């Protein structure tokens, strides 16, 4: 289940991508499959070994180009262990709402993104998230350890990305069919996934992801502008220079390689 639109991200083969808060690796794997060089970065170390193993399996099975590379790294979003301008693209999906110092994390992502590079930031959208907070105090901080610490409007997210030195551009909503699922989870307890209604709705979502039938895909597309669980904002770092890959190609043309 992908939240980011890779066309809007502008991802190209050979791009260097940081997937911050990679979790189980869904966006990292798609970047790798498309020929990018990927760093899957997460605060939780236990998430990373399975992601690393699947990177290897994908390449061995021909699911990613042999010339691409992928790695995993563990650390703090507010103290990234990368040099300035290290990445062509950055994905930060459903992370900022967990970080008390979200402005510090945004500043770090701006630092490691090259001039002209694009960040895709996704957070829970205001209305579905507001309903979740109203239905259950156990869904968010302080009762939920590591839970959500704030609710974003699109305007707030854009404002903070701007303050970090980025230029917000397009946006969209995603995963409208997931909003009722989380409302059910909040009604019956965020940690209770055994309720029959919750299980039935989860099976529907799994079926939808696996089969992508026209009915549910069309329904979600129509509902996304209002009920989309996630808001995605794309922001560009001012300036611009060719990526290292583009520079190498131009140099090869000059010397006639």
C-alpha atoms as a PDB file:
ATOM      1  CA  UNK A   1       0.000   0.000   0.000  1.00  0.00           C
ATOM      2  CA  UNK A   2       1.744   3.127  -1.252  1.00  0.00           C
ATOM      3  CA  UNK A   3       0.843   6.605  -0.060  1.00  0.00           C
ATOM      4  CA  UNK A   4       3.338   8.570  -2.149  1.00  0.00           C
ATOM      5  CA  UNK A   5       2.757   9.229  -5.860  1.00  0.00           C
ATOM      6  CA  UNK A   6       6.102   8.454  -7.515  1.00  0.00           C
ATOM      7  CA  UNK A   7       5.317  10.564 -10.566  1.00  0.00           C
ATOM      8  CA  UNK A   8       4.838  13.621  -8.356  1.00  0.00           C
ATOM      9  CA  UNK A   9       7.968  12.721  -6.440  1.00  0.00           C
ATOM     10  CA  UNK A  10       9.828  12.713  -9.761  1.00  0.00           C
ATOM     11  CA  UNK A  11      11.745   9.534  -8.960  1.00  0.00           C
ATOM     12  CA  UNK A  12      14.215   8.377 -11.625  1.00  0.00           C
ATOM     13  CA  UNK A  13      16.522   5.352 -11.867  1.00  0.00           C
ATOM     14  CA  UNK A  14      19.772   6.095 -10.092  1.00  0.00           C
ATOM     15  CA  UNK A  15      18.299   8.671  -7.728  1.00  0.00           C
ATOM     16  CA  UNK A  16      19.521   8.549  -4.140  1.00  0.00           C
ATOM     17  CA  UNK A  17      16.506   8.182  -1.847  1.00  0.00           C
ATOM     18  CA  UNK A  18      16.158   8.479   1.918  1.00  0.00           C
ATOM     19  CA  UNK A  19      13.032   6.773   3.285  1.00  0.00           C
ATOM     20  CA  UNK A  20      12.781   8.239   6.786  1.00  0.00           C
ATOM     21  CA  UNK A  21      10.692   6.137   9.131  1.00  0.00           C
ATOM     22  CA  UNK A  22      10.746   3.309   6.629  1.00  0.00           C
ATOM     23  CA  UNK A  23       9.003   0.848   8.954  1.00  0.00           C
ATOM     24  CA  UNK A  24       8.367  -2.410   7.099  1.00  0.00           C
ATOM     25  CA  UNK A  25       9.813  -0.862   3.943  1.00  0.00           C
ATOM     26  CA  UNK A  26       6.832  -0.399   1.614  1.00  0.00           C
ATOM     27  CA  UNK A  27       8.093   2.826   0.024  1.00  0.00           C
ATOM     28  CA  UNK A  28      11.725   1.711   0.098  1.00  0.00           C
ATOM     29  CA  UNK A  29      10.937  -1.451  -1.836  1.00  0.00           C
ATOM     30  CA  UNK A  30       9.050   0.454  -4.523  1.00  0.00           C
ATOM     31  CA  UNK A  31      11.934   2.921  -4.930  1.00  0.00           C
ATOM     32  CA  UNK A  32      14.391   0.040  -5.183  1.00  0.00           C
ATOM     33  CA  UNK A  33      12.197  -1.746  -7.718  1.00  0.00           C
ATOM     34  CA  UNK A  34      12.213   1.405  -9.838  1.00  0.00           C
ATOM     35  CA  UNK A  35      16.008   1.507  -9.886  1.00  0.00           C
ATOM     36  CA  UNK A  36      16.757   4.025  -7.135  1.00  0.00           C
ATOM     37  CA  UNK A  37      19.568   3.749  -4.587  1.00  0.00           C
ATOM     38  CA  UNK A  38      17.787   3.603  -1.246  1.00  0.00           C
ATOM     39  CA  UNK A  39      18.519   4.105   2.437  1.00  0.00           C
ATOM     40  CA  UNK A  40      15.699   2.779   4.635  1.00  0.00           C
ATOM     41  CA  UNK A  41      16.067   4.702   7.911  1.00  0.00           C
ATOM     42  CA  UNK A  42      14.101   3.998  11.087  1.00  0.00           C
ATOM     43  CA  UNK A  43      14.250   4.787  14.798  1.00  0.00           C
ATOM     44  CA  UNK A  44      13.146   1.234  15.607  1.00  0.00           C
ATOM     45  CA  UNK A  45      16.044  -1.144  14.973  1.00  0.00           C
ATOM     46  CA  UNK A  46      13.876  -4.278  14.967  1.00  0.00           C
ATOM     47  CA  UNK A  47      12.104  -3.127  11.800  1.00  0.00           C
ATOM     48  CA  UNK A  48      15.301  -3.062   9.740  1.00  0.00           C
ATOM     49  CA  UNK A  49      16.718  -6.628   9.427  1.00  0.00           C
ATOM     50  CA  UNK A  50      13.627  -7.941   7.552  1.00  0.00           C
ATOM     51  CA  UNK A  51      13.807  -4.909   5.236  1.00  0.00           C
ATOM     52  CA  UNK A  52      17.485  -5.579   4.530  1.00  0.00           C
ATOM     53  CA  UNK A  53      16.766  -9.248   3.819  1.00  0.00           C
ATOM     54  CA  UNK A  54      13.992  -8.394   1.364  1.00  0.00           C
ATOM     55  CA  UNK A  55      16.261  -5.935  -0.449  1.00  0.00           C
ATOM     56  CA  UNK A  56      18.678  -8.817  -1.055  1.00  0.00           C
ATOM     57  CA  UNK A  57      15.881 -11.179  -2.064  1.00  0.00           C
ATOM     58  CA  UNK A  58      14.451  -8.657  -4.531  1.00  0.00           C
ATOM     59  CA  UNK A  59      17.773  -8.207  -6.278  1.00  0.00           C
ATOM     60  CA  UNK A  60      18.505 -11.933  -6.329  1.00  0.00           C
ATOM     61  CA  UNK A  61      15.096 -12.580  -7.897  1.00  0.00           C
ATOM     62  CA  UNK A  62      15.481  -9.861 -10.511  1.00  0.00           C
ATOM     63  CA  UNK A  63      12.964  -7.580  -8.814  1.00  0.00           C
ATOM     64  CA  UNK A  64      15.434  -4.694  -8.696  1.00  0.00           C
ATOM     65  CA  UNK A  65      18.255  -3.676 -11.061  1.00  0.00           C
ATOM     66  CA  UNK A  66      21.625  -5.216 -10.299  1.00  0.00           C
ATOM     67  CA  UNK A  67      23.298  -1.797 -10.521  1.00  0.00           C
ATOM     68  CA  UNK A  68      21.085  -0.351  -7.771  1.00  0.00           C
ATOM     69  CA  UNK A  69      21.998  -0.534  -4.105  1.00  0.00           C
ATOM     70  CA  UNK A  70      19.987  -0.421  -0.894  1.00  0.00           C
ATOM     71  CA  UNK A  71      20.913  -0.135   2.764  1.00  0.00           C
ATOM     72  CA  UNK A  72      19.283   0.166   6.186  1.00  0.00           C
ATOM     73  CA  UNK A  73      20.224   2.599   8.935  1.00  0.00           C
ATOM     74  CA  UNK A  74      19.040   3.100  12.497  1.00  0.00           C
ATOM     75  CA  UNK A  75      18.957   6.471  14.220  1.00  0.00           C
ATOM     76  CA  UNK A  76      17.232   9.690  15.231  1.00  0.00           C
ATOM     77  CA  UNK A  77      15.428  11.832  12.650  1.00  0.00           C
ATOM     78  CA  UNK A  78      16.665  14.962  14.418  1.00  0.00           C
ATOM     79  CA  UNK A  79      20.324  13.900  14.123  1.00  0.00           C
ATOM     80  CA  UNK A  80      20.755  12.256  10.738  1.00  0.00           C
ATOM     81  CA  UNK A  81      24.167  10.644  10.087  1.00  0.00           C
ATOM     82  CA  UNK A  82      24.410  11.927   6.504  1.00  0.00           C
ATOM     83  CA  UNK A  83      26.319  14.742   4.828  1.00  0.00           C
ATOM     84  CA  UNK A  84      24.606  17.835   3.464  1.00  0.00           C
ATOM     85  CA  UNK A  85      22.905  17.409   0.060  1.00  0.00           C
ATOM     86  CA  UNK A  86      23.209  13.598   0.153  1.00  0.00           C
ATOM     87  CA  UNK A  87      19.843  12.648  -1.384  1.00  0.00           C
ATOM     88  CA  UNK A  88      17.916  13.453  -4.555  1.00  0.00           C
ATOM     89  CA  UNK A  89      14.565  12.453  -3.056  1.00  0.00           C
ATOM     90  CA  UNK A  90      13.293  12.039   0.514  1.00  0.00           C
ATOM     91  CA  UNK A  91      10.163  10.211   1.654  1.00  0.00           C
ATOM     92  CA  UNK A  92       8.827  10.781   5.163  1.00  0.00           C
ATOM     93  CA  UNK A  93       5.556   8.882   5.484  1.00  0.00           C
ATOM     94  CA  UNK A  94       3.447   8.999   8.661  1.00  0.00           C
ATOM     95  CA  UNK A  95       6.397  10.062  10.838  1.00  0.00           C
ATOM     96  CA  UNK A  96       6.169  13.749  11.768  1.00  0.00           C
ATOM     97  CA  UNK A  97       3.047  13.202  13.898  1.00  0.00           C
ATOM     98  CA  UNK A  98       5.134  10.957  16.190  1.00  0.00           C
ATOM     99  CA  UNK A  99       8.067  13.361  16.682  1.00  0.00           C
ATOM    100  CA  UNK A 100       7.877  16.020  19.431  1.00  0.00           C
ATOM    101  CA  UNK A 101      10.497  18.133  17.621  1.00  0.00           C
ATOM    102  CA  UNK A 102       9.012  17.883  14.153  1.00  0.00           C
ATOM    103  CA  UNK A 103      10.613  21.185  13.105  1.00  0.00           C
ATOM    104  CA  UNK A 104      14.039  19.775  14.007  1.00  0.00           C
ATOM    105  CA  UNK A 105      13.387  16.684  11.889  1.00  0.00           C
ATOM    106  CA  UNK A 106      12.217  18.810   8.956  1.00  0.00           C
ATOM    107  CA  UNK A 107      15.368  20.937   9.214  1.00  0.00           C
ATOM    108  CA  UNK A 108      17.519  17.800   9.100  1.00  0.00           C
ATOM    109  CA  UNK A 109      15.683  16.462   6.057  1.00  0.00           C
ATOM    110  CA  UNK A 110      16.153  19.801   4.320  1.00  0.00           C
ATOM    111  CA  UNK A 111      19.859  19.670   5.111  1.00  0.00           C
ATOM    112  CA  UNK A 112      20.428  16.222   3.590  1.00  0.00           C
ATOM    113  CA  UNK A 113      18.232  16.888   0.522  1.00  0.00           C
ATOM    114  CA  UNK A 114      20.168  18.287  -2.432  1.00  0.00           C
ATOM    115  CA  UNK A 115      19.163  21.658  -3.925  1.00  0.00           C
ATOM    116  CA  UNK A 116      16.399  20.995  -6.407  1.00  0.00           C
ATOM    117  CA  UNK A 117      15.521  17.715  -4.694  1.00  0.00           C
ATOM    118  CA  UNK A 118      11.985  16.808  -3.623  1.00  0.00           C
ATOM    119  CA  UNK A 119      10.579  15.696  -0.258  1.00  0.00           C
ATOM    120  CA  UNK A 120       7.284  13.804  -0.036  1.00  0.00           C
ATOM    121  CA  UNK A 121       5.822  14.261   3.449  1.00  0.00           C
ATOM    122  CA  UNK A 122       2.710  12.374   4.521  1.00  0.00           C
ATOM    123  CA  UNK A 123       0.796  12.783   7.787  1.00  0.00           C
ATOM    124  CA  UNK A 124      -2.690  11.786   8.961  1.00  0.00           C
ATOM    125  CA  UNK A 125      -5.238  14.193   7.497  1.00  0.00           C
ATOM    126  CA  UNK A 126      -7.034  16.536   9.908  1.00  0.00           C
ATOM    127  CA  UNK A 127     -10.648  15.276   9.809  1.00  0.00           C
ATOM    128  CA  UNK A 128     -10.070  11.486  10.046  1.00  0.00           C
ATOM    129  CA  UNK A 129      -7.408  12.078  12.694  1.00  0.00           C
ATOM    130  CA  UNK A 130      -9.649  14.415  14.703  1.00  0.00           C
ATOM    131  CA  UNK A 131     -12.314  11.688  14.802  1.00  0.00           C
ATOM    132  CA  UNK A 132      -9.759   9.117  16.016  1.00  0.00           C
ATOM    133  CA  UNK A 133      -8.592  11.410  18.824  1.00  0.00           C
ATOM    134  CA  UNK A 134     -12.216  12.065  19.864  1.00  0.00           C
ATOM    135  CA  UNK A 135     -13.101   8.366  19.909  1.00  0.00           C
ATOM    136  CA  UNK A 136     -10.163   7.108  21.979  1.00  0.00           C
ATOM    137  CA  UNK A 137      -7.562   8.673  24.250  1.00  0.00           C
ATOM    138  CA  UNK A 138      -5.564   5.464  23.872  1.00  0.00           C
ATOM    139  CA  UNK A 139      -5.006   6.220  20.181  1.00  0.00           C
ATOM    140  CA  UNK A 140      -2.638   9.138  20.806  1.00  0.00           C
ATOM    141  CA  UNK A 141      -0.087  10.467  23.288  1.00  0.00           C
ATOM    142  CA  UNK A 142       0.294  10.557  26.218  1.00  0.00           C
ATOM    143  CA  UNK A 143      -1.574   7.284  26.810  1.00  0.00           C
ATOM    144  CA  UNK A 144      -0.224   5.643  23.640  1.00  0.00           C
ATOM    145  CA  UNK A 145       3.527   5.096  23.936  1.00  0.00           C
ATOM    146  CA  UNK A 146       5.069   6.424  20.747  1.00  0.00           C
ATOM    147  CA  UNK A 147       1.636   7.601  19.635  1.00  0.00           C
ATOM    148  CA  UNK A 148       0.650  10.705  17.725  1.00  0.00           C
ATOM    149  CA  UNK A 149       1.571  13.931  19.482  1.00  0.00           C
ATOM    150  CA  UNK A 150      -0.249  16.425  17.216  1.00  0.00           C
ATOM    151  CA  UNK A 151      -2.903  16.776  14.532  1.00  0.00           C
ATOM    152  CA  UNK A 152      -1.858  18.521  11.326  1.00  0.00           C
ATOM    153  CA  UNK A 153      -3.882  20.617   8.986  1.00  0.00           C
ATOM    154  CA  UNK A 154      -2.446  20.835   5.483  1.00  0.00           C
ATOM    155  CA  UNK A 155      -1.759  24.503   6.166  1.00  0.00           C
ATOM    156  CA  UNK A 156       0.268  23.713   9.289  1.00  0.00           C
ATOM    157  CA  UNK A 157       2.339  21.080   7.477  1.00  0.00           C
ATOM    158  CA  UNK A 158       3.045  23.464   4.601  1.00  0.00           C
ATOM    159  CA  UNK A 159       3.964  26.249   7.021  1.00  0.00           C
ATOM    160  CA  UNK A 160       6.461  24.102   8.894  1.00  0.00           C
ATOM    161  CA  UNK A 161       8.025  22.753   5.697  1.00  0.00           C
ATOM    162  CA  UNK A 162       8.408  26.358   4.511  1.00  0.00           C
ATOM    163  CA  UNK A 163      10.035  27.350   7.802  1.00  0.00           C
ATOM    164  CA  UNK A 164      12.492  24.478   7.321  1.00  0.00           C
ATOM    165  CA  UNK A 165      13.610  26.017   4.018  1.00  0.00           C
ATOM    166  CA  UNK A 166      11.527  24.018   1.535  1.00  0.00           C
ATOM    167  CA  UNK A 167       9.030  25.208  -1.059  1.00  0.00           C
ATOM    168  CA  UNK A 168       5.748  23.249  -0.780  1.00  0.00           C
ATOM    169  CA  UNK A 169       4.184  22.412  -4.139  1.00  0.00           C
ATOM    170  CA  UNK A 170       1.381  19.937  -4.917  1.00  0.00           C
ATOM    171  CA  UNK A 171      -0.611  17.780  -2.519  1.00  0.00           C
ATOM    172  CA  UNK A 172      -3.251  15.062  -2.471  1.00  0.00           C
ATOM    173  CA  UNK A 173      -5.149  12.792  -0.096  1.00  0.00           C
ATOM    174  CA  UNK A 174      -4.931   8.983   0.040  1.00  0.00           C
ATOM    175  CA  UNK A 175      -6.498   5.894   1.664  1.00  0.00           C
ATOM    176  CA  UNK A 176     -10.077   7.022   2.298  1.00  0.00           C
ATOM    177  CA  UNK A 177     -11.165   3.410   2.843  1.00  0.00           C
ATOM    178  CA  UNK A 178      -8.736   3.177   5.766  1.00  0.00           C
ATOM    179  CA  UNK A 179     -10.395   5.956   7.777  1.00  0.00           C
ATOM    180  CA  UNK A 180     -13.436   3.878   8.863  1.00  0.00           C
ATOM    181  CA  UNK A 181     -11.099   1.032   9.795  1.00  0.00           C
ATOM    182  CA  UNK A 182      -9.245   3.239  12.273  1.00  0.00           C
ATOM    183  CA  UNK A 183     -12.494   4.650  13.613  1.00  0.00           C
ATOM    184  CA  UNK A 184     -13.597   1.094  14.349  1.00  0.00           C
ATOM    185  CA  UNK A 185     -10.250   0.388  15.996  1.00  0.00           C
ATOM    186  CA  UNK A 186     -10.705   3.440  18.209  1.00  0.00           C
ATOM    187  CA  UNK A 187     -14.277   2.482  19.182  1.00  0.00           C
ATOM    188  CA  UNK A 188     -13.312  -1.056  20.212  1.00  0.00           C
ATOM    189  CA  UNK A 189      -9.833  -0.186  21.503  1.00  0.00           C
ATOM    190  CA  UNK A 190      -6.774   0.743  19.379  1.00  0.00           C
ATOM    191  CA  UNK A 191      -4.928  -2.396  20.519  1.00  0.00           C
ATOM    192  CA  UNK A 192      -7.926  -4.690  20.060  1.00  0.00           C
ATOM    193  CA  UNK A 193      -7.680  -6.227  16.602  1.00  0.00           C
ATOM    194  CA  UNK A 194      -9.814  -9.259  17.521  1.00  0.00           C
ATOM    195  CA  UNK A 195     -13.205  -7.594  17.351  1.00  0.00           C
ATOM    196  CA  UNK A 196     -15.314  -9.254  14.583  1.00  0.00           C
ATOM    197  CA  UNK A 197     -16.152  -5.942  12.887  1.00  0.00           C
ATOM    198  CA  UNK A 198     -12.516  -4.851  12.952  1.00  0.00           C
ATOM    199  CA  UNK A 199     -11.401  -8.194  11.545  1.00  0.00           C
ATOM    200  CA  UNK A 200     -14.051  -8.129   8.817  1.00  0.00           C
ATOM    201  CA  UNK A 201     -13.073  -4.636   7.712  1.00  0.00           C
ATOM    202  CA  UNK A 202      -9.393  -5.593   7.777  1.00  0.00           C
ATOM    203  CA  UNK A 203     -10.129  -8.518   5.454  1.00  0.00           C
ATOM    204  CA  UNK A 204     -11.867  -6.099   3.096  1.00  0.00           C
ATOM    205  CA  UNK A 205      -8.804  -3.842   3.044  1.00  0.00           C
ATOM    206  CA  UNK A 206      -6.449  -6.760   2.419  1.00  0.00           C
ATOM    207  CA  UNK A 207      -8.689  -7.965  -0.421  1.00  0.00           C
ATOM    208  CA  UNK A 208      -8.771  -4.469  -1.892  1.00  0.00           C
ATOM    209  CA  UNK A 209      -4.980  -4.124  -1.781  1.00  0.00           C
ATOM    210  CA  UNK A 210      -4.435  -7.557  -3.321  1.00  0.00           C
ATOM    211  CA  UNK A 211      -7.113  -7.413  -6.028  1.00  0.00           C
ATOM    212  CA  UNK A 212      -7.534  -3.656  -6.642  1.00  0.00           C
ATOM    213  CA  UNK A 213     -11.096  -4.082  -8.012  1.00  0.00           C
ATOM    214  CA  UNK A 214     -12.537  -1.206 -10.006  1.00  0.00           C
ATOM    215  CA  UNK A 215     -15.438  -0.671  -7.563  1.00  0.00           C
ATOM    216  CA  UNK A 216     -13.321  -0.031  -4.460  1.00  0.00           C
ATOM    217  CA  UNK A 217     -10.606   1.840  -6.375  1.00  0.00           C
ATOM    218  CA  UNK A 218     -13.201   4.194  -7.844  1.00  0.00           C
ATOM    219  CA  UNK A 219     -14.946   4.596  -4.483  1.00  0.00           C
ATOM    220  CA  UNK A 220     -11.715   5.486  -2.745  1.00  0.00           C
ATOM    221  CA  UNK A 221     -10.698   7.942  -5.466  1.00  0.00           C
ATOM    222  CA  UNK A 222     -14.028   9.746  -5.069  1.00  0.00           C
ATOM    223  CA  UNK A 223     -13.836   9.782  -1.255  1.00  0.00           C
ATOM    224  CA  UNK A 224     -10.159  10.732  -0.937  1.00  0.00           C
ATOM    225  CA  UNK A 225     -10.630  14.521  -1.125  1.00  0.00           C
ATOM    226  CA  UNK A 226     -12.844  14.402   1.996  1.00  0.00           C
ATOM    227  CA  UNK A 227     -12.050  11.200   3.898  1.00  0.00           C
ATOM    228  CA  UNK A 228      -8.499  10.376   2.777  1.00  0.00           C
ATOM    229  CA  UNK A 229      -6.643   9.133   5.871  1.00  0.00           C
ATOM    230  CA  UNK A 230      -3.353  10.680   4.735  1.00  0.00           C
ATOM    231  CA  UNK A 231      -2.412  14.055   3.307  1.00  0.00           C
ATOM    232  CA  UNK A 232       0.699  14.103   1.105  1.00  0.00           C
ATOM    233  CA  UNK A 233       2.611  17.328   0.440  1.00  0.00           C
ATOM    234  CA  UNK A 234       5.496  17.535  -2.028  1.00  0.00           C
ATOM    235  CA  UNK A 235       8.136  20.175  -1.307  1.00  0.00           C
ATOM    236  CA  UNK A 236      11.265  21.172  -3.213  1.00  0.00           C
ATOM    237  CA  UNK A 237      14.553  22.457  -1.852  1.00  0.00           C
ATOM    238  CA  UNK A 238      15.417  25.795  -3.479  1.00  0.00           C
ATOM    239  CA  UNK A 239      18.318  25.997  -5.880  1.00  0.00           C
ATOM    240  CA  UNK A 240      19.300  23.195  -8.137  1.00  0.00           C
ATOM    241  CA  UNK A 241      22.202  21.393  -9.672  1.00  0.00           C
ATOM    242  CA  UNK A 242      22.448  18.197 -11.702  1.00  0.00           C
ATOM    243  CA  UNK A 243      22.493  15.046  -9.632  1.00  0.00           C
ATOM    244  CA  UNK A 244      25.798  13.192  -9.477  1.00  0.00           C
ATOM    245  CA  UNK A 245      24.378  10.688 -11.947  1.00  0.00           C
ATOM    246  CA  UNK A 246      23.449  13.414 -14.440  1.00  0.00           C
ATOM    247  CA  UNK A 247      26.843  15.072 -14.003  1.00  0.00           C
ATOM    248  CA  UNK A 248      28.616  11.793 -14.795  1.00  0.00           C
ATOM    249  CA  UNK A 249      26.497  11.355 -17.932  1.00  0.00           C
ATOM    250  CA  UNK A 250      27.341  14.874 -19.109  1.00  0.00           C
ATOM    251  CA  UNK A 251      31.042  14.314 -18.429  1.00  0.00           C
ATOM    252  CA  UNK A 252      30.931  11.090 -20.405  1.00  0.00           C
ATOM    253  CA  UNK A 253      29.423  12.957 -23.351  1.00  0.00           C
ATOM    254  CA  UNK A 254      32.138  15.624 -23.194  1.00  0.00           C
ATOM    255  CA  UNK A 255      35.017  13.133 -23.274  1.00  0.00           C
ATOM    256  CA  UNK A 256      33.275  10.916 -25.806  1.00  0.00           C
ATOM    257  CA  UNK A 257      32.933   7.817 -23.589  1.00  0.00           C
END
